[in-house]
N, C-alpha and C. Protein backbone atom coordinates (compact mmCIF):
# COMPACT_ATOMS: atom_id res chain seq x y z
N UNK A 1 -19.55 11.01 10.49
CA UNK A 1 -18.53 10.41 11.32
C UNK A 1 -17.39 11.40 11.55
N UNK A 2 -16.83 11.40 12.72
CA UNK A 2 -15.69 12.28 12.96
C UNK A 2 -14.46 11.70 12.30
N UNK A 3 -13.45 12.53 12.14
CA UNK A 3 -12.24 12.06 11.46
C UNK A 3 -11.47 11.04 12.27
N UNK A 4 -11.81 10.87 13.56
CA UNK A 4 -11.10 9.90 14.38
C UNK A 4 -11.76 8.54 14.45
N UNK A 5 -12.86 8.34 13.69
CA UNK A 5 -13.58 7.08 13.72
C UNK A 5 -13.59 6.49 12.34
N UNK A 6 -13.28 5.18 12.23
CA UNK A 6 -13.29 4.56 10.92
C UNK A 6 -14.71 4.14 10.54
N UNK A 7 -14.86 3.57 9.36
CA UNK A 7 -16.18 3.18 8.88
C UNK A 7 -16.69 1.90 9.53
N UNK A 8 -15.92 1.32 10.42
CA UNK A 8 -16.39 0.17 11.19
C UNK A 8 -16.78 0.62 12.60
N UNK A 9 -16.69 1.94 12.87
CA UNK A 9 -17.04 2.45 14.18
C UNK A 9 -15.93 2.41 15.19
N UNK A 10 -14.72 2.07 14.78
CA UNK A 10 -13.60 1.96 15.69
C UNK A 10 -12.87 3.30 15.82
N UNK A 11 -12.44 3.61 17.02
CA UNK A 11 -11.63 4.81 17.24
C UNK A 11 -10.23 4.53 16.75
N UNK A 12 -9.87 5.10 15.60
CA UNK A 12 -8.58 4.78 14.98
C UNK A 12 -7.42 5.42 15.70
N UNK A 13 -7.63 6.53 16.40
CA UNK A 13 -6.52 7.24 17.02
C UNK A 13 -5.92 6.44 18.17
N UNK A 14 -6.73 5.67 18.87
CA UNK A 14 -6.23 4.98 20.05
C UNK A 14 -5.65 3.61 19.75
N UNK A 15 -5.86 3.11 18.53
CA UNK A 15 -5.49 1.72 18.30
C UNK A 15 -4.41 1.49 17.25
N UNK A 16 -4.09 2.46 16.45
CA UNK A 16 -3.08 2.23 15.41
C UNK A 16 -2.07 3.36 15.39
N UNK A 17 -0.95 3.07 14.74
CA UNK A 17 0.00 4.13 14.43
C UNK A 17 0.22 4.12 12.93
N UNK A 18 0.59 5.26 12.41
CA UNK A 18 0.80 5.41 10.97
C UNK A 18 2.20 5.95 10.75
N UNK A 19 2.93 5.30 9.83
CA UNK A 19 4.28 5.74 9.47
C UNK A 19 4.27 6.12 8.00
N UNK A 20 5.21 6.93 7.60
CA UNK A 20 5.34 7.23 6.18
C UNK A 20 6.81 7.23 5.79
N UNK A 21 7.04 6.80 4.55
CA UNK A 21 8.39 6.74 3.99
C UNK A 21 8.36 7.41 2.62
N UNK A 22 9.33 8.26 2.38
CA UNK A 22 9.43 8.94 1.09
C UNK A 22 10.50 8.26 0.24
N UNK A 23 10.24 8.17 -1.05
CA UNK A 23 11.18 7.58 -2.00
C UNK A 23 11.34 8.54 -3.17
N UNK A 24 12.44 8.42 -3.87
CA UNK A 24 12.72 9.33 -4.98
C UNK A 24 13.19 8.54 -6.18
N UNK A 25 12.89 9.01 -7.37
CA UNK A 25 13.30 8.34 -8.60
C UNK A 25 14.81 8.19 -8.67
N UNK A 26 15.24 7.10 -9.30
CA UNK A 26 16.68 6.83 -9.37
C UNK A 26 17.16 6.52 -10.79
N UNK A 27 16.32 6.80 -11.78
CA UNK A 27 16.70 6.51 -13.17
C UNK A 27 16.27 5.13 -13.62
N UNK A 28 15.87 4.28 -12.69
CA UNK A 28 15.33 2.97 -13.02
C UNK A 28 13.86 2.86 -12.60
N UNK A 29 13.59 3.26 -11.36
CA UNK A 29 12.21 3.25 -10.86
C UNK A 29 11.80 4.68 -10.51
N UNK A 30 10.57 5.07 -10.89
CA UNK A 30 10.17 6.45 -10.66
C UNK A 30 9.92 6.80 -9.20
N UNK A 31 9.44 5.83 -8.42
CA UNK A 31 8.99 6.08 -7.06
C UNK A 31 7.91 7.15 -7.09
N UNK A 32 7.74 7.97 -6.06
CA UNK A 32 6.57 8.85 -6.03
C UNK A 32 6.78 10.06 -5.12
N UNK A 33 6.02 11.10 -5.41
CA UNK A 33 5.99 12.25 -4.50
C UNK A 33 5.13 11.95 -3.27
N UNK A 34 4.26 10.94 -3.39
CA UNK A 34 3.43 10.53 -2.26
C UNK A 34 4.21 9.59 -1.36
N UNK A 35 4.03 9.69 -0.07
CA UNK A 35 4.74 8.77 0.83
C UNK A 35 4.10 7.38 0.83
N UNK A 36 4.92 6.38 1.04
CA UNK A 36 4.42 5.04 1.35
C UNK A 36 3.81 5.18 2.75
N UNK A 37 2.58 4.71 2.91
CA UNK A 37 1.87 4.85 4.18
C UNK A 37 1.73 3.48 4.82
N UNK A 38 2.25 3.35 6.04
CA UNK A 38 2.21 2.07 6.76
C UNK A 38 1.32 2.23 7.99
N UNK A 39 0.37 1.33 8.11
CA UNK A 39 -0.53 1.28 9.27
C UNK A 39 -0.05 0.14 10.17
N UNK A 40 0.17 0.42 11.42
CA UNK A 40 0.63 -0.58 12.37
C UNK A 40 -0.47 -0.93 13.37
N UNK A 41 -0.52 -2.21 13.72
CA UNK A 41 -1.40 -2.70 14.79
C UNK A 41 -2.87 -2.37 14.53
N UNK A 42 -3.38 -2.82 13.40
CA UNK A 42 -4.78 -2.58 13.07
C UNK A 42 -5.74 -3.33 13.96
N UNK A 43 -5.30 -4.42 14.55
CA UNK A 43 -6.16 -5.18 15.46
C UNK A 43 -6.84 -6.35 14.77
N UNK A 44 -7.20 -7.34 15.59
CA UNK A 44 -7.78 -8.59 15.09
C UNK A 44 -9.07 -8.38 14.28
N UNK A 45 -9.99 -7.54 14.77
CA UNK A 45 -11.26 -7.35 14.06
C UNK A 45 -11.06 -6.73 12.69
N UNK A 46 -10.23 -5.72 12.61
CA UNK A 46 -10.01 -5.04 11.32
C UNK A 46 -9.30 -5.94 10.33
N UNK A 47 -8.38 -6.77 10.79
CA UNK A 47 -7.54 -7.52 9.87
C UNK A 47 -8.13 -8.89 9.51
N UNK A 48 -9.22 -9.28 10.15
CA UNK A 48 -9.88 -10.53 9.77
C UNK A 48 -10.36 -10.36 8.33
N UNK A 49 -10.11 -11.36 7.49
CA UNK A 49 -10.27 -11.22 6.03
C UNK A 49 -11.65 -10.71 5.62
N UNK A 50 -12.72 -11.28 6.16
CA UNK A 50 -14.05 -10.86 5.76
C UNK A 50 -14.30 -9.39 6.14
N UNK A 51 -13.96 -9.02 7.37
CA UNK A 51 -14.13 -7.63 7.79
C UNK A 51 -13.29 -6.68 6.94
N UNK A 52 -12.06 -7.08 6.66
CA UNK A 52 -11.17 -6.23 5.87
C UNK A 52 -11.71 -6.05 4.46
N UNK A 53 -12.15 -7.12 3.83
CA UNK A 53 -12.71 -7.02 2.48
C UNK A 53 -13.93 -6.10 2.46
N UNK A 54 -14.80 -6.22 3.46
CA UNK A 54 -15.98 -5.36 3.54
C UNK A 54 -15.58 -3.90 3.72
N UNK A 55 -14.62 -3.66 4.59
CA UNK A 55 -14.15 -2.30 4.85
C UNK A 55 -13.54 -1.70 3.59
N UNK A 56 -12.69 -2.46 2.92
CA UNK A 56 -12.07 -1.98 1.68
C UNK A 56 -13.14 -1.65 0.65
N UNK A 57 -14.11 -2.54 0.49
CA UNK A 57 -15.18 -2.33 -0.48
C UNK A 57 -15.97 -1.06 -0.19
N UNK A 58 -16.31 -0.83 1.08
CA UNK A 58 -17.04 0.39 1.45
C UNK A 58 -16.25 1.65 1.12
N UNK A 59 -14.93 1.53 1.13
CA UNK A 59 -14.07 2.69 0.87
C UNK A 59 -13.60 2.77 -0.57
N UNK A 60 -14.16 1.93 -1.44
CA UNK A 60 -13.84 2.01 -2.86
C UNK A 60 -12.52 1.36 -3.25
N UNK A 61 -12.03 0.43 -2.43
CA UNK A 61 -10.82 -0.31 -2.76
C UNK A 61 -11.25 -1.76 -3.00
N UNK A 62 -10.77 -2.35 -4.07
CA UNK A 62 -11.20 -3.67 -4.48
C UNK A 62 -10.15 -4.72 -4.12
N UNK A 63 -10.48 -5.66 -3.23
CA UNK A 63 -9.55 -6.76 -2.95
C UNK A 63 -9.29 -7.52 -4.25
N UNK A 64 -8.03 -7.72 -4.59
CA UNK A 64 -7.69 -8.27 -5.90
C UNK A 64 -6.89 -9.56 -5.82
N UNK A 65 -6.09 -9.71 -4.79
CA UNK A 65 -5.24 -10.91 -4.73
C UNK A 65 -4.97 -11.30 -3.28
N UNK A 66 -4.65 -12.57 -3.11
CA UNK A 66 -4.31 -13.15 -1.82
C UNK A 66 -3.08 -14.02 -2.04
N UNK A 67 -2.14 -14.01 -1.09
CA UNK A 67 -0.94 -14.82 -1.27
C UNK A 67 -0.46 -15.38 0.07
N UNK A 68 0.01 -16.60 0.02
CA UNK A 68 0.73 -17.20 1.15
C UNK A 68 2.22 -17.23 0.86
N UNK A 69 2.60 -16.75 -0.32
CA UNK A 69 4.01 -16.71 -0.71
C UNK A 69 4.67 -15.37 -0.43
N UNK A 70 3.88 -14.36 -0.11
CA UNK A 70 4.44 -13.04 0.16
C UNK A 70 4.49 -12.18 -1.08
N UNK A 71 5.17 -11.08 -0.95
CA UNK A 71 5.33 -10.13 -2.04
C UNK A 71 6.33 -10.70 -3.06
N UNK A 72 6.11 -10.36 -4.32
CA UNK A 72 7.00 -10.82 -5.40
C UNK A 72 8.45 -10.50 -5.02
N UNK A 73 9.36 -11.49 -5.10
CA UNK A 73 10.72 -11.32 -4.58
C UNK A 73 11.72 -10.62 -5.51
N UNK A 74 11.25 -9.79 -6.39
CA UNK A 74 12.12 -9.01 -7.27
C UNK A 74 11.58 -7.57 -7.30
N UNK A 75 12.49 -6.60 -7.32
CA UNK A 75 12.05 -5.20 -7.35
C UNK A 75 11.14 -4.99 -8.56
N UNK A 76 9.97 -4.42 -8.30
CA UNK A 76 9.01 -4.15 -9.35
C UNK A 76 8.12 -2.99 -8.91
N UNK A 77 7.39 -2.44 -9.85
CA UNK A 77 6.44 -1.38 -9.53
C UNK A 77 5.29 -1.43 -10.53
N UNK A 78 4.25 -0.70 -10.21
CA UNK A 78 3.07 -0.58 -11.07
C UNK A 78 2.89 0.90 -11.37
N UNK A 79 2.93 1.26 -12.63
CA UNK A 79 2.84 2.69 -12.99
C UNK A 79 1.41 3.17 -13.06
N UNK A 80 0.46 2.24 -12.96
CA UNK A 80 -0.93 2.61 -13.21
C UNK A 80 -1.86 2.45 -12.00
N UNK A 81 -1.33 2.13 -10.84
CA UNK A 81 -2.21 1.92 -9.68
C UNK A 81 -1.45 2.01 -8.36
N UNK A 82 -2.13 2.56 -7.36
CA UNK A 82 -1.65 2.48 -5.98
C UNK A 82 -2.07 1.09 -5.47
N UNK A 83 -1.27 0.52 -4.56
CA UNK A 83 -1.55 -0.83 -4.09
C UNK A 83 -1.59 -0.87 -2.56
N UNK A 84 -2.64 -1.51 -2.04
CA UNK A 84 -2.81 -1.73 -0.61
C UNK A 84 -2.43 -3.18 -0.33
N UNK A 85 -1.63 -3.41 0.72
CA UNK A 85 -1.27 -4.77 1.12
C UNK A 85 -1.44 -4.88 2.64
N UNK A 86 -2.19 -5.90 3.07
CA UNK A 86 -2.40 -6.14 4.51
C UNK A 86 -1.86 -7.52 4.87
N UNK A 87 -1.26 -7.61 6.04
CA UNK A 87 -0.77 -8.88 6.55
C UNK A 87 -1.85 -9.49 7.43
N UNK A 88 -2.44 -10.60 6.95
CA UNK A 88 -3.49 -11.28 7.68
C UNK A 88 -2.94 -12.28 8.69
N UNK A 89 -1.77 -12.81 8.39
CA UNK A 89 -1.13 -13.77 9.28
C UNK A 89 0.37 -13.81 8.98
N UNK A 90 1.16 -14.06 10.00
CA UNK A 90 2.61 -14.17 9.81
C UNK A 90 3.29 -12.80 9.75
N UNK A 91 4.47 -12.81 9.12
CA UNK A 91 5.24 -11.57 8.99
C UNK A 91 6.22 -11.69 7.83
N UNK A 92 6.62 -10.54 7.30
CA UNK A 92 7.61 -10.53 6.24
C UNK A 92 8.30 -9.18 6.19
N UNK A 93 9.41 -9.15 5.48
CA UNK A 93 10.16 -7.92 5.28
C UNK A 93 10.14 -7.61 3.79
N UNK A 94 9.97 -6.34 3.46
CA UNK A 94 10.03 -5.94 2.07
C UNK A 94 10.92 -4.71 1.93
N UNK A 95 11.48 -4.56 0.76
CA UNK A 95 12.29 -3.38 0.43
C UNK A 95 11.39 -2.46 -0.38
N UNK A 96 11.29 -1.22 0.05
CA UNK A 96 10.44 -0.22 -0.60
C UNK A 96 11.30 0.88 -1.20
N UNK A 97 11.07 1.18 -2.48
CA UNK A 97 11.78 2.27 -3.12
C UNK A 97 12.94 1.83 -4.00
N UNK A 98 13.11 0.55 -4.22
CA UNK A 98 14.20 0.07 -5.08
C UNK A 98 15.37 -0.44 -4.28
N UNK A 99 16.45 -0.74 -4.98
CA UNK A 99 17.61 -1.37 -4.33
C UNK A 99 18.20 -0.54 -3.20
N UNK A 100 18.09 0.77 -3.30
CA UNK A 100 18.65 1.65 -2.26
C UNK A 100 17.55 2.21 -1.35
N UNK A 101 16.42 1.53 -1.33
CA UNK A 101 15.27 1.99 -0.54
C UNK A 101 15.37 1.60 0.93
N UNK A 102 14.23 1.53 1.55
CA UNK A 102 14.12 1.25 2.97
C UNK A 102 13.46 -0.11 3.18
N UNK A 103 13.93 -0.84 4.18
CA UNK A 103 13.30 -2.11 4.53
C UNK A 103 12.18 -1.85 5.53
N UNK A 104 11.05 -2.50 5.31
CA UNK A 104 9.93 -2.42 6.23
C UNK A 104 9.57 -3.83 6.67
N UNK A 105 9.49 -4.03 7.97
CA UNK A 105 9.08 -5.33 8.51
C UNK A 105 7.61 -5.22 8.89
N UNK A 106 6.80 -6.07 8.30
CA UNK A 106 5.36 -6.06 8.53
C UNK A 106 4.94 -7.37 9.18
N UNK A 107 4.02 -7.27 10.12
CA UNK A 107 3.52 -8.47 10.79
C UNK A 107 2.00 -8.45 10.81
N UNK A 108 1.40 -9.54 11.25
CA UNK A 108 -0.05 -9.63 11.31
C UNK A 108 -0.62 -8.37 11.96
N UNK A 109 -1.59 -7.77 11.28
CA UNK A 109 -2.20 -6.55 11.79
C UNK A 109 -1.64 -5.29 11.17
N UNK A 110 -0.61 -5.40 10.35
CA UNK A 110 -0.03 -4.24 9.67
C UNK A 110 -0.51 -4.20 8.22
N UNK A 111 -0.50 -3.01 7.64
CA UNK A 111 -0.86 -2.84 6.23
C UNK A 111 -0.07 -1.66 5.69
N UNK A 112 0.01 -1.58 4.38
CA UNK A 112 0.65 -0.43 3.75
C UNK A 112 -0.02 -0.08 2.44
N UNK A 113 0.13 1.17 2.03
CA UNK A 113 -0.29 1.61 0.71
C UNK A 113 0.96 2.07 -0.02
N UNK A 114 1.19 1.43 -1.16
CA UNK A 114 2.35 1.73 -2.00
C UNK A 114 1.88 2.59 -3.17
N UNK A 115 2.34 3.83 -3.26
CA UNK A 115 1.90 4.67 -4.38
C UNK A 115 2.34 4.12 -5.73
N UNK A 116 1.59 4.45 -6.76
CA UNK A 116 1.96 4.07 -8.13
C UNK A 116 3.38 4.54 -8.39
N UNK A 117 4.17 3.66 -9.02
CA UNK A 117 5.55 4.00 -9.36
C UNK A 117 6.59 3.61 -8.35
N UNK A 118 6.17 3.25 -7.13
CA UNK A 118 7.13 2.92 -6.08
C UNK A 118 7.53 1.45 -6.18
N UNK A 119 8.82 1.22 -6.26
CA UNK A 119 9.34 -0.16 -6.33
C UNK A 119 9.15 -0.85 -4.99
N UNK A 120 8.86 -2.14 -5.05
CA UNK A 120 8.74 -2.95 -3.85
C UNK A 120 9.17 -4.37 -4.17
N UNK A 121 9.70 -5.03 -3.15
CA UNK A 121 10.30 -6.37 -3.33
C UNK A 121 10.17 -7.14 -2.03
N UNK A 122 9.62 -8.34 -2.10
CA UNK A 122 9.53 -9.19 -0.92
C UNK A 122 10.88 -9.77 -0.58
N UNK A 123 11.11 -9.96 0.70
CA UNK A 123 12.38 -10.53 1.17
C UNK A 123 12.07 -11.67 2.13
N UNK A 124 12.51 -11.56 3.34
CA UNK A 124 12.31 -12.62 4.32
C UNK A 124 10.84 -12.72 4.72
N UNK A 125 10.38 -13.97 4.97
CA UNK A 125 9.00 -14.16 5.39
C UNK A 125 8.91 -15.32 6.36
N UNK A 126 7.88 -15.28 7.19
CA UNK A 126 7.66 -16.38 8.13
C UNK A 126 7.12 -17.58 7.36
N UNK A 127 7.22 -18.74 7.99
CA UNK A 127 6.74 -19.96 7.35
C UNK A 127 5.24 -19.87 7.07
N UNK A 128 4.52 -19.31 8.01
CA UNK A 128 3.08 -19.13 7.87
C UNK A 128 2.84 -17.66 7.53
N UNK A 129 2.30 -17.39 6.34
CA UNK A 129 2.08 -16.02 5.90
C UNK A 129 0.82 -15.95 5.07
N UNK A 130 0.06 -14.89 5.25
CA UNK A 130 -1.11 -14.62 4.42
C UNK A 130 -1.21 -13.10 4.24
N UNK A 131 -1.20 -12.66 2.99
CA UNK A 131 -1.35 -11.23 2.70
C UNK A 131 -2.45 -11.03 1.66
N UNK A 132 -3.07 -9.86 1.72
CA UNK A 132 -4.15 -9.51 0.83
C UNK A 132 -3.80 -8.20 0.14
N UNK A 133 -4.02 -8.15 -1.17
CA UNK A 133 -3.75 -6.93 -1.92
C UNK A 133 -5.02 -6.36 -2.51
N UNK A 134 -5.09 -5.02 -2.60
CA UNK A 134 -6.26 -4.34 -3.14
C UNK A 134 -5.82 -3.08 -3.88
N UNK A 135 -6.73 -2.57 -4.73
CA UNK A 135 -6.48 -1.37 -5.51
C UNK A 135 -7.71 -0.49 -5.47
N UNK A 136 -7.55 0.83 -5.66
CA UNK A 136 -8.73 1.68 -5.76
C UNK A 136 -9.60 1.22 -6.92
N UNK A 137 -10.91 1.31 -6.75
CA UNK A 137 -11.85 0.91 -7.79
C UNK A 137 -11.49 1.60 -9.10
N UNK A 138 -11.41 0.82 -10.16
CA UNK A 138 -11.06 1.34 -11.47
C UNK A 138 -9.57 1.34 -11.79
N UNK A 139 -8.75 0.93 -10.82
CA UNK A 139 -7.30 0.94 -11.01
C UNK A 139 -6.70 -0.39 -10.59
N UNK A 140 -6.78 -1.39 -11.42
CA UNK A 140 -6.07 -2.63 -11.14
C UNK A 140 -4.69 -2.58 -11.77
N UNK A 141 -3.93 -3.62 -11.56
CA UNK A 141 -2.61 -3.68 -12.18
C UNK A 141 -2.75 -4.07 -13.63
N UNK A 142 -2.36 -3.18 -14.50
CA UNK A 142 -2.32 -3.49 -15.92
C UNK A 142 -0.89 -3.56 -16.42
N UNK A 143 0.02 -3.14 -15.57
CA UNK A 143 1.44 -3.31 -15.91
C UNK A 143 2.23 -3.71 -14.67
N UNK A 144 3.28 -4.40 -14.92
CA UNK A 144 4.16 -4.95 -13.89
C UNK A 144 5.56 -4.64 -14.37
N UNK A 145 6.18 -3.60 -13.83
CA UNK A 145 7.44 -3.09 -14.35
C UNK A 145 8.61 -3.48 -13.47
N UNK A 146 9.74 -3.75 -14.10
CA UNK A 146 10.95 -4.17 -13.39
C UNK A 146 12.01 -3.08 -13.30
N UNK A 147 11.71 -1.90 -13.79
CA UNK A 147 12.63 -0.78 -13.62
C UNK A 147 13.73 -0.69 -14.65
N UNK A 148 13.38 -0.82 -15.92
CA UNK A 148 14.38 -0.66 -16.97
C UNK A 148 14.61 0.82 -17.25
N UNK A 149 15.85 1.27 -17.27
CA UNK A 149 16.12 2.69 -17.52
C UNK A 149 15.50 3.21 -18.82
N UNK A 150 15.38 2.37 -19.83
CA UNK A 150 14.84 2.82 -21.12
C UNK A 150 13.37 3.24 -21.03
N UNK A 151 12.64 2.78 -20.02
CA UNK A 151 11.23 3.15 -19.90
C UNK A 151 10.97 4.10 -18.73
N UNK A 152 12.03 4.54 -18.09
CA UNK A 152 11.90 5.36 -16.88
C UNK A 152 11.04 6.62 -17.09
N UNK A 153 11.34 7.43 -18.07
CA UNK A 153 10.62 8.69 -18.27
C UNK A 153 9.14 8.46 -18.51
N UNK A 154 8.82 7.50 -19.36
CA UNK A 154 7.43 7.21 -19.67
C UNK A 154 6.68 6.69 -18.44
N UNK A 155 7.31 5.79 -17.69
CA UNK A 155 6.65 5.21 -16.52
C UNK A 155 6.53 6.24 -15.39
N UNK A 156 7.52 7.11 -15.25
CA UNK A 156 7.43 8.16 -14.22
C UNK A 156 6.27 9.09 -14.53
N UNK A 157 6.09 9.45 -15.79
CA UNK A 157 4.99 10.32 -16.17
C UNK A 157 3.65 9.63 -15.91
N UNK A 158 3.56 8.37 -16.28
CA UNK A 158 2.32 7.63 -16.09
C UNK A 158 1.98 7.51 -14.60
N UNK A 159 2.96 7.17 -13.77
CA UNK A 159 2.71 7.01 -12.34
C UNK A 159 2.27 8.33 -11.70
N UNK A 160 2.85 9.41 -12.15
CA UNK A 160 2.52 10.73 -11.59
C UNK A 160 1.09 11.13 -11.91
N UNK A 161 0.52 10.56 -12.96
CA UNK A 161 -0.85 10.91 -13.35
C UNK A 161 -1.92 10.11 -12.62
N UNK A 162 -1.53 9.09 -11.85
CA UNK A 162 -2.52 8.32 -11.10
C UNK A 162 -3.03 9.22 -9.96
N UNK A 163 -4.34 9.44 -9.89
CA UNK A 163 -4.85 10.39 -8.91
C UNK A 163 -4.84 9.86 -7.48
N UNK A 164 -4.90 10.79 -6.54
CA UNK A 164 -5.10 10.43 -5.14
C UNK A 164 -6.47 9.75 -5.05
N UNK A 165 -6.57 8.60 -4.42
CA UNK A 165 -7.87 7.93 -4.33
C UNK A 165 -8.85 8.76 -3.50
N UNK A 166 -10.16 8.61 -3.74
CA UNK A 166 -11.14 9.41 -2.99
C UNK A 166 -11.24 9.04 -1.52
N UNK A 167 -10.81 7.82 -1.18
CA UNK A 167 -10.91 7.37 0.21
C UNK A 167 -9.65 6.63 0.66
N UNK A 168 -9.30 6.81 1.91
CA UNK A 168 -8.32 5.97 2.57
C UNK A 168 -8.90 4.54 2.54
N UNK A 169 -8.10 3.52 2.26
CA UNK A 169 -8.66 2.17 2.15
C UNK A 169 -9.32 1.66 3.44
N UNK A 170 -8.87 2.14 4.58
CA UNK A 170 -9.39 1.66 5.86
C UNK A 170 -10.30 2.66 6.56
N UNK A 171 -10.05 3.95 6.38
CA UNK A 171 -10.72 4.95 7.20
C UNK A 171 -11.50 5.99 6.42
N UNK A 172 -11.73 5.74 5.13
CA UNK A 172 -12.62 6.61 4.37
C UNK A 172 -12.04 7.96 3.99
N UNK A 173 -12.93 8.94 3.75
CA UNK A 173 -12.51 10.23 3.18
C UNK A 173 -11.68 11.11 4.11
N UNK A 174 -11.65 10.82 5.39
CA UNK A 174 -10.86 11.64 6.31
C UNK A 174 -9.72 10.85 6.94
N UNK A 175 -9.36 9.74 6.32
CA UNK A 175 -8.32 8.89 6.88
C UNK A 175 -6.91 9.45 6.68
N UNK A 176 -5.94 8.84 7.34
CA UNK A 176 -4.57 9.35 7.31
C UNK A 176 -3.93 9.35 5.93
N UNK A 177 -4.29 8.41 5.07
CA UNK A 177 -3.70 8.40 3.73
C UNK A 177 -4.02 9.71 2.99
N UNK A 178 -5.27 10.10 3.00
CA UNK A 178 -5.66 11.32 2.28
C UNK A 178 -5.08 12.55 2.93
N UNK A 179 -5.02 12.57 4.24
CA UNK A 179 -4.41 13.72 4.94
C UNK A 179 -2.97 13.89 4.49
N UNK A 180 -2.24 12.80 4.37
CA UNK A 180 -0.82 12.87 4.00
C UNK A 180 -0.63 13.13 2.50
N UNK A 181 -1.40 12.43 1.68
CA UNK A 181 -1.19 12.51 0.24
C UNK A 181 -1.65 13.83 -0.36
N UNK A 182 -2.73 14.41 0.15
CA UNK A 182 -3.18 15.67 -0.44
C UNK A 182 -2.19 16.79 -0.20
N UNK A 183 -1.35 16.65 0.81
CA UNK A 183 -0.29 17.65 1.06
C UNK A 183 0.76 17.63 -0.07
N UNK A 184 0.84 16.52 -0.79
CA UNK A 184 1.89 16.35 -1.81
C UNK A 184 1.34 16.32 -3.24
N UNK A 185 0.06 16.68 -3.40
CA UNK A 185 -0.56 16.64 -4.74
C UNK A 185 -0.05 17.76 -5.62
């Protein structure tokens, strides 16, 4: 497959846009050298739950959770796993990178990958919302951190050791996530 075609046979270059946001440690949350990667306008076929789960599975990402409540509404991070979140229905806003981070508004058809160590917090959400979370195979959430300064150094070291996944969750080994993240390894 060419680098412009996803594992579902869709031409990714003509249908989506990709954004990235960089975050930096602040003494409470480590954040990451890898950018937060946001995929916009994935389209109805890609974002339909069954298709999305199949696509994630083929790319070595394991769907782990589903929520109609949105992202946890308190700043938190996972030092042991990168996290993929897709909006299946509705829309919500989240803060990425901690209290002084950036707000991202996500709507149906959008998804993001949050690197290990990056704080995230759900904020405003539509009445009707459905989101799906996934992790690279072998890396589920084993810790849920709230950013205590006393554990900063240990959690920053742990998050930095989480490897770049072998595949982009949506577009496989030549997808935009790997193109961006390998530049910062």
